[in-house]
Amino acid sequence: MKYAYPIDYSWSTEEIIDVIKFYEGVEQAYEQGIEREQFMNLYRRFKQIVPSKAEERKLCDEFEKVSGYSSYQTIKKGKELSNGEIVKM
């Protein structure tokens, strides 16, 4: 990883860690695959921290610009799969 994750410094330390875990889950989906249930749990926690669709879109767009990984496409694929399946981009 040679980039900085987009975060909001008004979040608590725990929230920043959880958002970074979500970004790492997206990276894992692209690099080796991640269990759907594990990824969706990371996404649900991300949505607790970032409930606004507009802010989610902004953060995910920023993450895609720096990483090349689409959070949106990963979330979409995760929603299409069943528990027990692997999200692999």
PDB file of N, CA and C in Angstrom:
ATOM      1  N   MET A   1       0.846  -1.183   0.000  1.00  0.00           N
ATOM      2  CA  MET A   1       0.000   0.000   0.000  1.00  0.00           C
ATOM      3  C   MET A   1       0.885   1.238   0.000  1.00  0.00           C
ATOM      4  N   LYS A   2       0.732   2.045  -1.023  1.00  0.00           N
ATOM      5  CA  LYS A   2       1.517   3.267  -1.126  1.00  0.00           C
ATOM      6  C   LYS A   2       0.607   4.470  -1.265  1.00  0.00           C
ATOM      7  N   TYR A   3      -0.458   4.468  -0.483  1.00  0.00           N
ATOM      8  CA  TYR A   3      -1.411   5.571  -0.514  1.00  0.00           C
ATOM      9  C   TYR A   3      -2.052   5.735   0.845  1.00  0.00           C
ATOM     10  N   ALA A   4      -2.678   6.882   1.041  1.00  0.00           N
ATOM     11  CA  ALA A   4      -3.350   7.163   2.316  1.00  0.00           C
ATOM     12  C   ALA A   4      -4.841   6.899   2.153  1.00  0.00           C
ATOM     13  N   TYR A   5      -5.426   6.275   3.163  1.00  0.00           N
ATOM     14  CA  TYR A   5      -6.857   6.026   3.141  1.00  0.00           C
ATOM     15  C   TYR A   5      -7.615   7.322   3.411  1.00  0.00           C
ATOM     16  N   PRO A   6      -8.721   7.550   2.685  1.00  0.00           N
ATOM     17  CA  PRO A   6      -9.536   8.737   2.989  1.00  0.00           C
ATOM     18  C   PRO A   6     -10.299   8.534   4.292  1.00  0.00           C
ATOM     19  N   ILE A   7     -10.065   9.420   5.247  1.00  0.00           N
ATOM     20  CA  ILE A   7     -10.742   9.344   6.542  1.00  0.00           C
ATOM     21  C   ILE A   7     -11.168  10.737   6.968  1.00  0.00           C
ATOM     22  N   ASP A   8     -12.024  10.773   7.953  1.00  0.00           N
ATOM     23  CA  ASP A   8     -12.500  12.038   8.531  1.00  0.00           C
ATOM     24  C   ASP A   8     -11.899  12.127   9.935  1.00  0.00           C
ATOM     25  N   TYR A   9     -11.111  13.145  10.174  1.00  0.00           N
ATOM     26  CA  TYR A   9     -10.412  13.245  11.452  1.00  0.00           C
ATOM     27  C   TYR A   9     -11.330  13.608  12.619  1.00  0.00           C
ATOM     28  N   SER A  10     -12.605  13.829  12.343  1.00  0.00           N
ATOM     29  CA  SER A  10     -13.551  14.049  13.439  1.00  0.00           C
ATOM     30  C   SER A  10     -14.030  12.710  14.019  1.00  0.00           C
ATOM     31  N   TRP A  11     -13.740  11.602  13.337  1.00  0.00           N
ATOM     32  CA  TRP A  11     -14.104  10.286  13.845  1.00  0.00           C
ATOM     33  C   TRP A  11     -13.228   9.927  15.045  1.00  0.00           C
ATOM     34  N   SER A  12     -13.742   9.034  15.872  1.00  0.00           N
ATOM     35  CA  SER A  12     -12.942   8.516  16.990  1.00  0.00           C
ATOM     36  C   SER A  12     -11.864   7.575  16.436  1.00  0.00           C
ATOM     37  N   THR A  13     -10.896   7.268  17.274  1.00  0.00           N
ATOM     38  CA  THR A  13      -9.828   6.346  16.866  1.00  0.00           C
ATOM     39  C   THR A  13     -10.430   4.998  16.451  1.00  0.00           C
ATOM     40  N   GLU A  14     -11.399   4.514  17.229  1.00  0.00           N
ATOM     41  CA  GLU A  14     -12.043   3.234  16.908  1.00  0.00           C
ATOM     42  C   GLU A  14     -12.746   3.301  15.547  1.00  0.00           C
ATOM     43  N   GLU A  15     -13.426   4.410  15.265  1.00  0.00           N
ATOM     44  CA  GLU A  15     -14.119   4.558  13.983  1.00  0.00           C
ATOM     45  C   GLU A  15     -13.127   4.604  12.831  1.00  0.00           C
ATOM     46  N   ILE A  16     -12.019   5.301  13.005  1.00  0.00           N
ATOM     47  CA  ILE A  16     -10.993   5.357  11.953  1.00  0.00           C
ATOM     48  C   ILE A  16     -10.463   3.951  11.677  1.00  0.00           C
ATOM     49  N   ILE A  17     -10.189   3.200  12.730  1.00  0.00           N
ATOM     50  CA  ILE A  17      -9.697   1.825  12.573  1.00  0.00           C
ATOM     51  C   ILE A  17     -10.716   0.975  11.826  1.00  0.00           C
ATOM     52  N   ASP A  18     -11.995   1.101  12.164  1.00  0.00           N
ATOM     53  CA  ASP A  18     -13.036   0.300  11.512  1.00  0.00           C
ATOM     54  C   ASP A  18     -13.214   0.679  10.046  1.00  0.00           C
ATOM     55  N   VAL A  19     -13.099   1.969   9.716  1.00  0.00           N
ATOM     56  CA  VAL A  19     -13.197   2.390   8.311  1.00  0.00           C
ATOM     57  C   VAL A  19     -11.996   1.850   7.529  1.00  0.00           C
ATOM     58  N   ILE A  20     -10.821   1.889   8.129  1.00  0.00           N
ATOM     59  CA  ILE A  20      -9.632   1.342   7.463  1.00  0.00           C
ATOM     60  C   ILE A  20      -9.790  -0.161   7.248  1.00  0.00           C
ATOM     61  N   LYS A  21     -10.395  -0.863   8.205  1.00  0.00           N
ATOM     62  CA  LYS A  21     -10.653  -2.299   8.037  1.00  0.00           C
ATOM     63  C   LYS A  21     -11.574  -2.543   6.845  1.00  0.00           C
ATOM     64  N   PHE A  22     -12.560  -1.651   6.646  1.00  0.00           N
ATOM     65  CA  PHE A  22     -13.443  -1.783   5.481  1.00  0.00           C
ATOM     66  C   PHE A  22     -12.635  -1.629   4.191  1.00  0.00           C
ATOM     67  N   TYR A  23     -11.794  -0.584   4.128  1.00  0.00           N
ATOM     68  CA  TYR A  23     -10.956  -0.393   2.935  1.00  0.00           C
ATOM     69  C   TYR A  23     -10.060  -1.605   2.698  1.00  0.00           C
ATOM     70  N   GLU A  24      -9.503  -2.154   3.777  1.00  0.00           N
ATOM     71  CA  GLU A  24      -8.665  -3.348   3.653  1.00  0.00           C
ATOM     72  C   GLU A  24      -9.477  -4.541   3.143  1.00  0.00           C
ATOM     73  N   GLY A  25     -10.755  -4.603   3.523  1.00  0.00           N
ATOM     74  CA  GLY A  25     -11.629  -5.657   3.009  1.00  0.00           C
ATOM     75  C   GLY A  25     -11.835  -5.537   1.514  1.00  0.00           C
ATOM     76  N   VAL A  26     -11.983  -4.305   1.027  1.00  0.00           N
ATOM     77  CA  VAL A  26     -12.103  -4.074  -0.422  1.00  0.00           C
ATOM     78  C   VAL A  26     -10.808  -4.511  -1.114  1.00  0.00           C
ATOM     79  N   GLU A  27      -9.680  -4.130  -0.544  1.00  0.00           N
ATOM     80  CA  GLU A  27      -8.385  -4.542  -1.110  1.00  0.00           C
ATOM     81  C   GLU A  27      -8.278  -6.062  -1.153  1.00  0.00           C
ATOM     82  N   GLN A  28      -8.686  -6.705  -0.073  1.00  0.00           N
ATOM     83  CA  GLN A  28      -8.612  -8.165  -0.008  1.00  0.00           C
ATOM     84  C   GLN A  28      -9.488  -8.806  -1.085  1.00  0.00           C
ATOM     85  N   ALA A  29     -10.672  -8.229  -1.333  1.00  0.00           N
ATOM     86  CA  ALA A  29     -11.561  -8.769  -2.370  1.00  0.00           C
ATOM     87  C   ALA A  29     -10.869  -8.744  -3.735  1.00  0.00           C
ATOM     88  N   TYR A  30     -10.101  -7.714  -3.988  1.00  0.00           N
ATOM     89  CA  TYR A  30      -9.392  -7.609  -5.262  1.00  0.00           C
ATOM     90  C   TYR A  30      -8.149  -8.485  -5.313  1.00  0.00           C
ATOM     91  N   GLU A  31      -7.459  -8.606  -4.208  1.00  0.00           N
ATOM     92  CA  GLU A  31      -6.166  -9.278  -4.227  1.00  0.00           C
ATOM     93  C   GLU A  31      -6.240 -10.787  -4.015  1.00  0.00           C
ATOM     94  N   GLN A  32      -7.166 -11.262  -3.157  1.00  0.00           N
ATOM     95  CA  GLN A  32      -7.233 -12.712  -2.944  1.00  0.00           C
ATOM     96  C   GLN A  32      -8.640 -13.232  -2.708  1.00  0.00           C
ATOM     97  N   GLY A  33      -9.568 -12.351  -2.410  1.00  0.00           N
ATOM     98  CA  GLY A  33     -10.931 -12.764  -2.104  1.00  0.00           C
ATOM     99  C   GLY A  33     -11.172 -12.699  -0.606  1.00  0.00           C
ATOM    100  N   ILE A  34     -12.422 -12.451  -0.244  1.00  0.00           N
ATOM    101  CA  ILE A  34     -12.818 -12.348   1.162  1.00  0.00           C
ATOM    102  C   ILE A  34     -14.197 -12.975   1.299  1.00  0.00           C
ATOM    103  N   GLU A  35     -14.429 -13.651   2.408  1.00  0.00           N
ATOM    104  CA  GLU A  35     -15.735 -14.266   2.630  1.00  0.00           C
ATOM    105  C   GLU A  35     -16.807 -13.180   2.637  1.00  0.00           C
ATOM    106  N   ARG A  36     -17.909 -13.467   1.987  1.00  0.00           N
ATOM    107  CA  ARG A  36     -18.988 -12.491   1.840  1.00  0.00           C
ATOM    108  C   ARG A  36     -19.468 -11.979   3.196  1.00  0.00           C
ATOM    109  N   GLU A  37     -19.694 -12.893   4.141  1.00  0.00           N
ATOM    110  CA  GLU A  37     -20.218 -12.495   5.446  1.00  0.00           C
ATOM    111  C   GLU A  37     -19.237 -11.559   6.164  1.00  0.00           C
ATOM    112  N   GLN A  38     -17.956 -11.870   6.092  1.00  0.00           N
ATOM    113  CA  GLN A  38     -16.938 -11.031   6.719  1.00  0.00           C
ATOM    114  C   GLN A  38     -16.934  -9.642   6.073  1.00  0.00           C
ATOM    115  N   PHE A  39     -16.985  -9.603   4.740  1.00  0.00           N
ATOM    116  CA  PHE A  39     -16.977  -8.315   4.046  1.00  0.00           C
ATOM    117  C   PHE A  39     -18.225  -7.498   4.371  1.00  0.00           C
ATOM    118  N   MET A  40     -19.385  -8.141   4.386  1.00  0.00           N
ATOM    119  CA  MET A  40     -20.619  -7.410   4.654  1.00  0.00           C
ATOM    120  C   MET A  40     -20.651  -6.887   6.091  1.00  0.00           C
ATOM    121  N   ASN A  41     -20.030  -7.612   7.029  1.00  0.00           N
ATOM    122  CA  ASN A  41     -19.914  -7.101   8.401  1.00  0.00           C
ATOM    123  C   ASN A  41     -19.050  -5.841   8.437  1.00  0.00           C
ATOM    124  N   LEU A  42     -17.965  -5.833   7.676  1.00  0.00           N
ATOM    125  CA  LEU A  42     -17.118  -4.639   7.581  1.00  0.00           C
ATOM    126  C   LEU A  42     -17.903  -3.477   6.976  1.00  0.00           C
ATOM    127  N   TYR A  43     -18.708  -3.779   5.951  1.00  0.00           N
ATOM    128  CA  TYR A  43     -19.506  -2.738   5.300  1.00  0.00           C
ATOM    129  C   TYR A  43     -20.585  -2.197   6.244  1.00  0.00           C
ATOM    130  N   ARG A  44     -21.247  -3.080   6.979  1.00  0.00           N
ATOM    131  CA  ARG A  44     -22.280  -2.627   7.928  1.00  0.00           C
ATOM    132  C   ARG A  44     -21.682  -1.687   8.976  1.00  0.00           C
ATOM    133  N   ARG A  45     -20.507  -2.017   9.468  1.00  0.00           N
ATOM    134  CA  ARG A  45     -19.839  -1.146  10.444  1.00  0.00           C
ATOM    135  C   ARG A  45     -19.469   0.187   9.784  1.00  0.00           C
ATOM    136  N   PHE A  46     -18.977   0.137   8.558  1.00  0.00           N
ATOM    137  CA  PHE A  46     -18.662   1.355   7.809  1.00  0.00           C
ATOM    138  C   PHE A  46     -19.900   2.240   7.696  1.00  0.00           C
ATOM    139  N   LYS A  47     -21.055   1.640   7.424  1.00  0.00           N
ATOM    140  CA  LYS A  47     -22.304   2.405   7.274  1.00  0.00           C
ATOM    141  C   LYS A  47     -22.779   2.988   8.604  1.00  0.00           C
ATOM    142  N   GLN A  48     -22.441   2.362   9.726  1.00  0.00           N
ATOM    143  CA  GLN A  48     -22.769   2.950  11.033  1.00  0.00           C
ATOM    144  C   GLN A  48     -21.980   4.245  11.237  1.00  0.00           C
ATOM    145  N   ILE A  49     -20.766   4.263  10.740  1.00  0.00           N
ATOM    146  CA  ILE A  49     -19.891   5.426  10.889  1.00  0.00           C
ATOM    147  C   ILE A  49     -20.209   6.480   9.835  1.00  0.00           C
ATOM    148  N   VAL A  50     -20.540   6.018   8.629  1.00  0.00           N
ATOM    149  CA  VAL A  50     -20.806   6.914   7.490  1.00  0.00           C
ATOM    150  C   VAL A  50     -22.224   6.632   6.980  1.00  0.00           C
ATOM    151  N   PRO A  51     -23.252   7.101   7.695  1.00  0.00           N
ATOM    152  CA  PRO A  51     -24.624   6.783   7.278  1.00  0.00           C
ATOM    153  C   PRO A  51     -25.083   7.529   6.026  1.00  0.00           C
ATOM    154  N   SER A  52     -24.479   8.659   5.728  1.00  0.00           N
ATOM    155  CA  SER A  52     -24.884   9.475   4.581  1.00  0.00           C
ATOM    156  C   SER A  52     -24.410   8.846   3.266  1.00  0.00           C
ATOM    157  N   LYS A  53     -25.348   8.662   2.330  1.00  0.00           N
ATOM    158  CA  LYS A  53     -25.008   8.125   1.010  1.00  0.00           C
ATOM    159  C   LYS A  53     -24.004   9.031   0.299  1.00  0.00           C
ATOM    160  N   ALA A  54     -24.196  10.347   0.432  1.00  0.00           N
ATOM    161  CA  ALA A  54     -23.303  11.303  -0.241  1.00  0.00           C
ATOM    162  C   ALA A  54     -21.878  11.193   0.311  1.00  0.00           C
ATOM    163  N   GLU A  55     -21.759  11.100   1.634  1.00  0.00           N
ATOM    164  CA  GLU A  55     -20.423  10.982   2.226  1.00  0.00           C
ATOM    165  C   GLU A  55     -19.799   9.633   1.876  1.00  0.00           C
ATOM    166  N   GLU A  56     -20.624   8.571   1.863  1.00  0.00           N
ATOM    167  CA  GLU A  56     -20.122   7.251   1.462  1.00  0.00           C
ATOM    168  C   GLU A  56     -19.566   7.316   0.044  1.00  0.00           C
ATOM    169  N   ARG A  57     -20.321   7.920  -0.859  1.00  0.00           N
ATOM    170  CA  ARG A  57     -19.893   8.023  -2.257  1.00  0.00           C
ATOM    171  C   ARG A  57     -18.585   8.816  -2.366  1.00  0.00           C
ATOM    172  N   LYS A  58     -18.497   9.910  -1.617  1.00  0.00           N
ATOM    173  CA  LYS A  58     -17.298  10.756  -1.644  1.00  0.00           C
ATOM    174  C   LYS A  58     -16.076   9.968  -1.164  1.00  0.00           C
ATOM    175  N   LEU A  59     -16.210   9.288  -0.024  1.00  0.00           N
ATOM    176  CA  LEU A  59     -15.091   8.517   0.523  1.00  0.00           C
ATOM    177  C   LEU A  59     -14.699   7.358  -0.398  1.00  0.00           C
ATOM    178  N   CYS A  60     -15.695   6.670  -0.941  1.00  0.00           N
ATOM    179  CA  CYS A  60     -15.410   5.537  -1.824  1.00  0.00           C
ATOM    180  C   CYS A  60     -14.765   6.001  -3.126  1.00  0.00           C
ATOM    181  N   ASP A  61     -15.209   7.141  -3.649  1.00  0.00           N
ATOM    182  CA  ASP A  61     -14.587   7.701  -4.856  1.00  0.00           C
ATOM    183  C   ASP A  61     -13.137   8.083  -4.588  1.00  0.00           C
ATOM    184  N   GLU A  62     -12.880   8.706  -3.434  1.00  0.00           N
ATOM    185  CA  GLU A  62     -11.507   9.069  -3.069  1.00  0.00           C
ATOM    186  C   GLU A  62     -10.641   7.819  -2.936  1.00  0.00           C
ATOM    187  N   PHE A  63     -11.193   6.778  -2.304  1.00  0.00           N
ATOM    188  CA  PHE A  63     -10.447   5.531  -2.136  1.00  0.00           C
ATOM    189  C   PHE A  63     -10.127   4.916  -3.497  1.00  0.00           C
ATOM    190  N   GLU A  64     -11.092   4.939  -4.414  1.00  0.00           N
ATOM    191  CA  GLU A  64     -10.858   4.369  -5.741  1.00  0.00           C
ATOM    192  C   GLU A  64      -9.778   5.145  -6.494  1.00  0.00           C
ATOM    193  N   LYS A  65      -9.777   6.474  -6.342  1.00  0.00           N
ATOM    194  CA  LYS A  65      -8.760   7.291  -7.022  1.00  0.00           C
ATOM    195  C   LYS A  65      -7.357   6.941  -6.557  1.00  0.00           C
ATOM    196  N   VAL A  66      -7.176   6.726  -5.251  1.00  0.00           N
ATOM    197  CA  VAL A  66      -5.833   6.447  -4.745  1.00  0.00           C
ATOM    198  C   VAL A  66      -5.427   4.980  -4.870  1.00  0.00           C
ATOM    199  N   SER A  67      -6.411   4.068  -4.865  1.00  0.00           N
ATOM    200  CA  SER A  67      -6.085   2.637  -4.842  1.00  0.00           C
ATOM    201  C   SER A  67      -6.350   1.921  -6.164  1.00  0.00           C
ATOM    202  N   GLY A  68      -7.309   2.425  -6.928  1.00  0.00           N
ATOM    203  CA  GLY A  68      -7.729   1.717  -8.140  1.00  0.00           C
ATOM    204  C   GLY A  68      -8.792   0.662  -7.859  1.00  0.00           C
ATOM    205  N   TYR A  69      -9.205   0.503  -6.599  1.00  0.00           N
ATOM    206  CA  TYR A  69     -10.192  -0.497  -6.210  1.00  0.00           C
ATOM    207  C   TYR A  69     -11.551   0.162  -5.999  1.00  0.00           C
ATOM    208  N   SER A  70     -12.584  -0.397  -6.612  1.00  0.00           N
ATOM    209  CA  SER A  70     -13.927   0.162  -6.512  1.00  0.00           C
ATOM    210  C   SER A  70     -14.693  -0.443  -5.334  1.00  0.00           C
ATOM    211  N   SER A  71     -14.903   0.372  -4.308  1.00  0.00           N
ATOM    212  CA  SER A  71     -15.713  -0.072  -3.171  1.00  0.00           C
ATOM    213  C   SER A  71     -17.133  -0.365  -3.638  1.00  0.00           C
ATOM    214  N   TYR A  72     -17.651   0.506  -4.514  1.00  0.00           N
ATOM    215  CA  TYR A  72     -19.023   0.360  -4.998  1.00  0.00           C
ATOM    216  C   TYR A  72     -19.229  -1.007  -5.660  1.00  0.00           C
ATOM    217  N   GLN A  73     -18.337  -1.375  -6.570  1.00  0.00           N
ATOM    218  CA  GLN A  73     -18.478  -2.661  -7.271  1.00  0.00           C
ATOM    219  C   GLN A  73     -18.317  -3.838  -6.307  1.00  0.00           C
ATOM    220  N   THR A  74     -17.444  -3.684  -5.311  1.00  0.00           N
ATOM    221  CA  THR A  74     -17.238  -4.748  -4.326  1.00  0.00           C
ATOM    222  C   THR A  74     -18.481  -4.926  -3.462  1.00  0.00           C
ATOM    223  N   ILE A  75     -19.070  -3.812  -3.024  1.00  0.00           N
ATOM    224  CA  ILE A  75     -20.295  -3.864  -2.223  1.00  0.00           C
ATOM    225  C   ILE A  75     -21.414  -4.492  -3.051  1.00  0.00           C
ATOM    226  N   LYS A  76     -21.538  -4.073  -4.289  1.00  0.00           N
ATOM    227  CA  LYS A  76     -22.576  -4.599  -5.183  1.00  0.00           C
ATOM    228  C   LYS A  76     -22.438  -6.122  -5.324  1.00  0.00           C
ATOM    229  N   LYS A  77     -21.200  -6.582  -5.539  1.00  0.00           N
ATOM    230  CA  LYS A  77     -20.988  -8.018  -5.685  1.00  0.00           C
ATOM    231  C   LYS A  77     -21.292  -8.739  -4.371  1.00  0.00           C
ATOM    232  N   GLY A  78     -20.901  -8.133  -3.240  1.00  0.00           N
ATOM    233  CA  GLY A  78     -21.183  -8.736  -1.943  1.00  0.00           C
ATOM    234  C   GLY A  78     -22.669  -8.907  -1.704  1.00  0.00           C
ATOM    235  N   LYS A  79     -23.456  -7.946  -2.141  1.00  0.00           N
ATOM    236  CA  LYS A  79     -24.912  -8.022  -1.972  1.00  0.00           C
ATOM    237  C   LYS A  79     -25.533  -9.093  -2.864  1.00  0.00           C
ATOM    238  N   GLU A  80     -24.897  -9.387  -3.993  1.00  0.00           N
ATOM    239  CA  GLU A  80     -25.424 -10.391  -4.934  1.00  0.00           C
ATOM    240  C   GLU A  80     -25.153 -11.818  -4.480  1.00  0.00           C
ATOM    241  N   LEU A  81     -24.078 -12.014  -3.700  1.00  0.00           N
ATOM    242  CA  LEU A  81     -23.675 -13.356  -3.287  1.00  0.00           C
ATOM    243  C   LEU A  81     -24.420 -13.808  -2.033  1.00  0.00           C
ATOM    244  N   SER A  82     -24.310 -15.082  -1.731  1.00  0.00           N
ATOM    245  CA  SER A  82     -24.893 -15.652  -0.514  1.00  0.00           C
ATOM    246  C   SER A  82     -23.798 -15.871   0.515  1.00  0.00           C
ATOM    247  N   ASN A  83     -24.181 -15.979   1.787  1.00  0.00           N
ATOM    248  CA  ASN A  83     -23.209 -16.285   2.835  1.00  0.00           C
ATOM    249  C   ASN A  83     -22.497 -17.570   2.481  1.00  0.00           C
ATOM    250  N   GLY A  84     -21.210 -17.627   2.793  1.00  0.00           N
ATOM    251  CA  GLY A  84     -20.409 -18.798   2.477  1.00  0.00           C
ATOM    252  C   GLY A  84     -19.662 -18.653   1.174  1.00  0.00           C
ATOM    253  N   GLU A  85     -20.085 -17.710   0.329  1.00  0.00           N
ATOM    254  CA  GLU A  85     -19.403 -17.481  -0.928  1.00  0.00           C
ATOM    255  C   GLU A  85     -18.283 -16.462  -0.714  1.00  0.00           C
ATOM    256  N   ILE A  86     -17.384 -16.404  -1.693  1.00  0.00           N
ATOM    257  CA  ILE A  86     -16.220 -15.515  -1.619  1.00  0.00           C
ATOM    258  C   ILE A  86     -16.434 -14.338  -2.570  1.00  0.00           C
ATOM    259  N   VAL A  87     -16.207 -13.137  -2.048  1.00  0.00           N
ATOM    260  CA  VAL A  87     -16.223 -11.930  -2.881  1.00  0.00           C
ATOM    261  C   VAL A  87     -14.837 -11.819  -3.492  1.00  0.00           C
ATOM    262  N   LYS A  88     -14.749 -12.009  -4.799  1.00  0.00           N
ATOM    263  CA  LYS A  88     -13.480 -11.950  -5.522  1.00  0.00           C
ATOM    264  C   LYS A  88     -13.664 -11.058  -6.727  1.00  0.00           C
ATOM    265  N   MET A  89     -12.905  -9.999  -6.775  1.00  0.00           N
ATOM    266  CA  MET A  89     -13.019  -9.043  -7.871  1.00  0.00           C
ATOM    267  C   MET A  89     -11.964  -9.317  -8.939  1.00  0.00           C
TER     268      MET A  89
END
